[in-house]
N, C-alpha and C. Protein backbone atom coordinates (compact mmCIF):
# COMPACT_ATOMS: atom_id res chain seq x y z
N MET A 1 111.18 111.38 123.59
CA MET A 1 110.48 111.51 122.32
C MET A 1 110.72 110.26 121.48
N THR A 2 109.68 109.74 120.88
CA THR A 2 109.82 108.57 120.00
C THR A 2 109.58 108.99 118.57
N THR A 3 110.23 108.30 117.69
CA THR A 3 110.06 108.55 116.26
C THR A 3 109.32 107.37 115.65
N GLU A 4 108.18 107.63 115.09
CA GLU A 4 107.41 106.58 114.44
C GLU A 4 107.99 106.29 113.07
N SER A 5 107.99 105.03 112.71
CA SER A 5 108.40 104.62 111.38
C SER A 5 107.16 104.35 110.55
N PRO A 6 107.24 104.60 109.25
CA PRO A 6 106.09 104.27 108.41
C PRO A 6 105.84 102.76 108.40
N LEU A 7 104.59 102.38 108.50
CA LEU A 7 104.18 100.99 108.38
C LEU A 7 103.59 100.82 106.98
N TRP A 8 104.43 100.40 106.05
CA TRP A 8 104.08 100.33 104.63
C TRP A 8 103.15 99.17 104.34
N PHE A 9 102.18 99.40 103.46
CA PHE A 9 101.33 98.31 102.98
C PHE A 9 100.86 98.63 101.57
N THR A 10 100.47 97.59 100.87
CA THR A 10 99.86 97.73 99.55
C THR A 10 98.41 97.29 99.66
N SER A 11 97.62 97.71 98.74
CA SER A 11 96.21 97.34 98.72
C SER A 11 96.05 95.84 98.49
N SER A 12 95.01 95.29 99.05
CA SER A 12 94.71 93.87 98.81
C SER A 12 94.30 93.64 97.36
N TYR A 13 94.01 94.69 96.62
CA TYR A 13 93.65 94.59 95.20
C TYR A 13 94.89 94.62 94.30
N SER A 14 96.07 94.76 94.87
CA SER A 14 97.31 94.92 94.11
C SER A 14 97.92 93.58 93.72
N GLU A 15 97.29 92.91 92.81
CA GLU A 15 97.83 91.65 92.30
C GLU A 15 98.13 91.80 90.81
N ASN A 16 98.79 92.88 90.46
CA ASN A 16 99.03 93.19 89.05
C ASN A 16 100.50 93.09 88.68
N GLY A 17 101.23 92.19 89.27
CA GLY A 17 102.63 92.02 88.91
C GLY A 17 103.56 93.04 89.52
N GLY A 18 103.17 93.66 90.61
CA GLY A 18 104.06 94.59 91.31
C GLY A 18 104.00 96.02 90.82
N GLN A 19 103.05 96.35 89.99
CA GLN A 19 102.92 97.72 89.48
C GLN A 19 102.00 98.51 90.39
N CYS A 20 102.44 98.76 91.62
CA CYS A 20 101.56 99.43 92.56
C CYS A 20 102.35 100.37 93.46
N ILE A 21 101.63 100.99 94.35
CA ILE A 21 102.25 101.88 95.33
C ILE A 21 102.11 101.27 96.72
N GLU A 22 102.94 101.76 97.63
CA GLU A 22 102.82 101.42 99.04
C GLU A 22 102.49 102.72 99.77
N VAL A 23 101.73 102.60 100.83
CA VAL A 23 101.31 103.77 101.58
C VAL A 23 101.46 103.47 103.07
N ALA A 24 101.71 104.51 103.85
CA ALA A 24 101.85 104.37 105.29
C ALA A 24 100.90 105.35 105.97
N THR A 25 99.68 104.92 106.20
CA THR A 25 98.68 105.81 106.79
C THR A 25 98.84 105.99 108.29
N ASN A 26 99.72 105.22 108.92
CA ASN A 26 99.89 105.33 110.37
C ASN A 26 100.47 106.68 110.82
N LEU A 27 101.01 107.46 109.91
CA LEU A 27 101.60 108.75 110.29
C LEU A 27 100.64 109.92 110.11
N ALA A 28 99.45 109.67 109.61
CA ALA A 28 98.51 110.75 109.31
C ALA A 28 98.12 111.54 110.56
N ALA A 29 97.74 110.86 111.61
CA ALA A 29 97.26 111.56 112.81
C ALA A 29 98.38 112.25 113.58
N THR A 30 99.52 111.59 113.70
CA THR A 30 100.59 112.14 114.53
C THR A 30 101.52 113.09 113.80
N HIS A 31 101.68 112.91 112.49
CA HIS A 31 102.62 113.74 111.73
C HIS A 31 101.96 114.57 110.63
N GLY A 32 100.68 114.33 110.38
CA GLY A 32 99.97 115.08 109.35
C GLY A 32 100.45 114.78 107.95
N THR A 33 100.95 113.56 107.73
CA THR A 33 101.45 113.18 106.42
C THR A 33 101.10 111.73 106.11
N VAL A 34 100.90 111.46 104.83
CA VAL A 34 100.68 110.10 104.36
C VAL A 34 101.75 109.83 103.30
N PRO A 35 102.82 109.14 103.68
CA PRO A 35 103.88 108.83 102.72
C PRO A 35 103.43 107.79 101.71
N VAL A 36 103.83 107.99 100.46
CA VAL A 36 103.51 107.07 99.37
C VAL A 36 104.80 106.80 98.61
N ARG A 37 105.01 105.54 98.21
CA ARG A 37 106.22 105.21 97.44
C ARG A 37 105.92 104.13 96.41
N ASP A 38 106.81 103.98 95.47
CA ASP A 38 106.73 102.96 94.43
C ASP A 38 107.12 101.62 95.04
N SER A 39 106.26 100.63 94.93
CA SER A 39 106.55 99.33 95.54
C SER A 39 107.76 98.63 94.91
N LYS A 40 108.09 99.00 93.67
CA LYS A 40 109.24 98.39 93.00
C LYS A 40 110.56 99.04 93.42
N ASN A 41 110.48 100.19 94.09
CA ASN A 41 111.67 100.92 94.49
C ASN A 41 111.51 101.42 95.93
N PRO A 42 111.50 100.50 96.91
CA PRO A 42 111.21 100.90 98.28
C PRO A 42 112.27 101.81 98.92
N HIS A 43 113.44 101.89 98.34
CA HIS A 43 114.48 102.78 98.88
C HIS A 43 114.58 104.08 98.08
N GLY A 44 113.68 104.24 97.13
CA GLY A 44 113.65 105.45 96.31
C GLY A 44 112.90 106.57 97.00
N PRO A 45 112.54 107.58 96.24
CA PRO A 45 111.87 108.75 96.82
C PRO A 45 110.48 108.41 97.36
N THR A 46 110.06 109.22 98.31
CA THR A 46 108.74 109.08 98.91
C THR A 46 107.98 110.38 98.71
N LEU A 47 106.75 110.25 98.32
CA LEU A 47 105.87 111.41 98.16
C LEU A 47 105.09 111.57 99.45
N ALA A 48 105.15 112.75 100.06
CA ALA A 48 104.44 113.00 101.31
C ALA A 48 103.17 113.80 101.00
N LEU A 49 102.03 113.16 101.21
CA LEU A 49 100.75 113.80 100.97
C LEU A 49 100.10 114.19 102.29
N THR A 50 99.28 115.22 102.26
CA THR A 50 98.48 115.53 103.44
C THR A 50 97.36 114.48 103.51
N PRO A 51 96.81 114.26 104.70
CA PRO A 51 95.69 113.32 104.79
C PRO A 51 94.52 113.69 103.87
N ASN A 52 94.22 114.98 103.74
CA ASN A 52 93.13 115.40 102.85
C ASN A 52 93.43 115.09 101.39
N THR A 53 94.67 115.28 100.99
CA THR A 53 95.06 114.97 99.61
C THR A 53 94.97 113.47 99.36
N TRP A 54 95.42 112.65 100.31
CA TRP A 54 95.33 111.20 100.18
C TRP A 54 93.86 110.77 100.06
N THR A 55 93.00 111.33 100.89
CA THR A 55 91.58 111.00 100.85
C THR A 55 90.97 111.38 99.50
N ALA A 56 91.34 112.53 98.97
CA ALA A 56 90.84 112.95 97.66
C ALA A 56 91.34 112.03 96.56
N PHE A 57 92.59 111.60 96.64
CA PHE A 57 93.15 110.68 95.65
C PHE A 57 92.40 109.35 95.67
N VAL A 58 92.20 108.78 96.85
CA VAL A 58 91.49 107.50 96.98
C VAL A 58 90.06 107.64 96.46
N SER A 59 89.42 108.74 96.78
CA SER A 59 88.06 108.98 96.29
C SER A 59 88.03 109.03 94.76
N GLY A 60 89.02 109.70 94.17
CA GLY A 60 89.11 109.78 92.71
C GLY A 60 89.32 108.42 92.08
N VAL A 61 90.14 107.60 92.69
CA VAL A 61 90.37 106.23 92.17
C VAL A 61 89.08 105.43 92.24
N ARG A 62 88.40 105.50 93.35
CA ARG A 62 87.15 104.74 93.52
C ARG A 62 86.08 105.17 92.53
N GLN A 63 86.11 106.43 92.12
CA GLN A 63 85.12 106.94 91.17
C GLN A 63 85.56 106.72 89.72
N GLY A 64 86.71 106.08 89.52
CA GLY A 64 87.17 105.80 88.16
C GLY A 64 87.84 106.97 87.49
N GLY A 65 88.25 107.97 88.23
CA GLY A 65 88.83 109.19 87.68
C GLY A 65 90.18 109.01 87.03
N PHE A 66 90.85 107.88 87.24
CA PHE A 66 92.18 107.67 86.69
C PHE A 66 92.21 106.47 85.75
N SER A 67 91.07 106.01 85.31
CA SER A 67 91.02 104.79 84.50
C SER A 67 91.68 104.95 83.13
N GLY A 68 91.78 106.15 82.61
CA GLY A 68 92.39 106.37 81.30
C GLY A 68 93.86 106.69 81.36
N VAL A 69 94.45 106.70 82.54
CA VAL A 69 95.85 107.07 82.71
C VAL A 69 96.72 105.86 82.56
């Protein structure tokens, strides 16, 4: 049995001084989870989202649903 490690990345749009998240989508198919973490605290807590929740979040961002936050 092999254990996959998250392959963390940030969006290519993340040029805002480090105020972004990192995501590891490589675990979605095999583990049913999309880990998300604060890029400023890579050893801190990780939020584990389902693939459907991650897709809904990205869709909301693209539609401007979080622009006032």
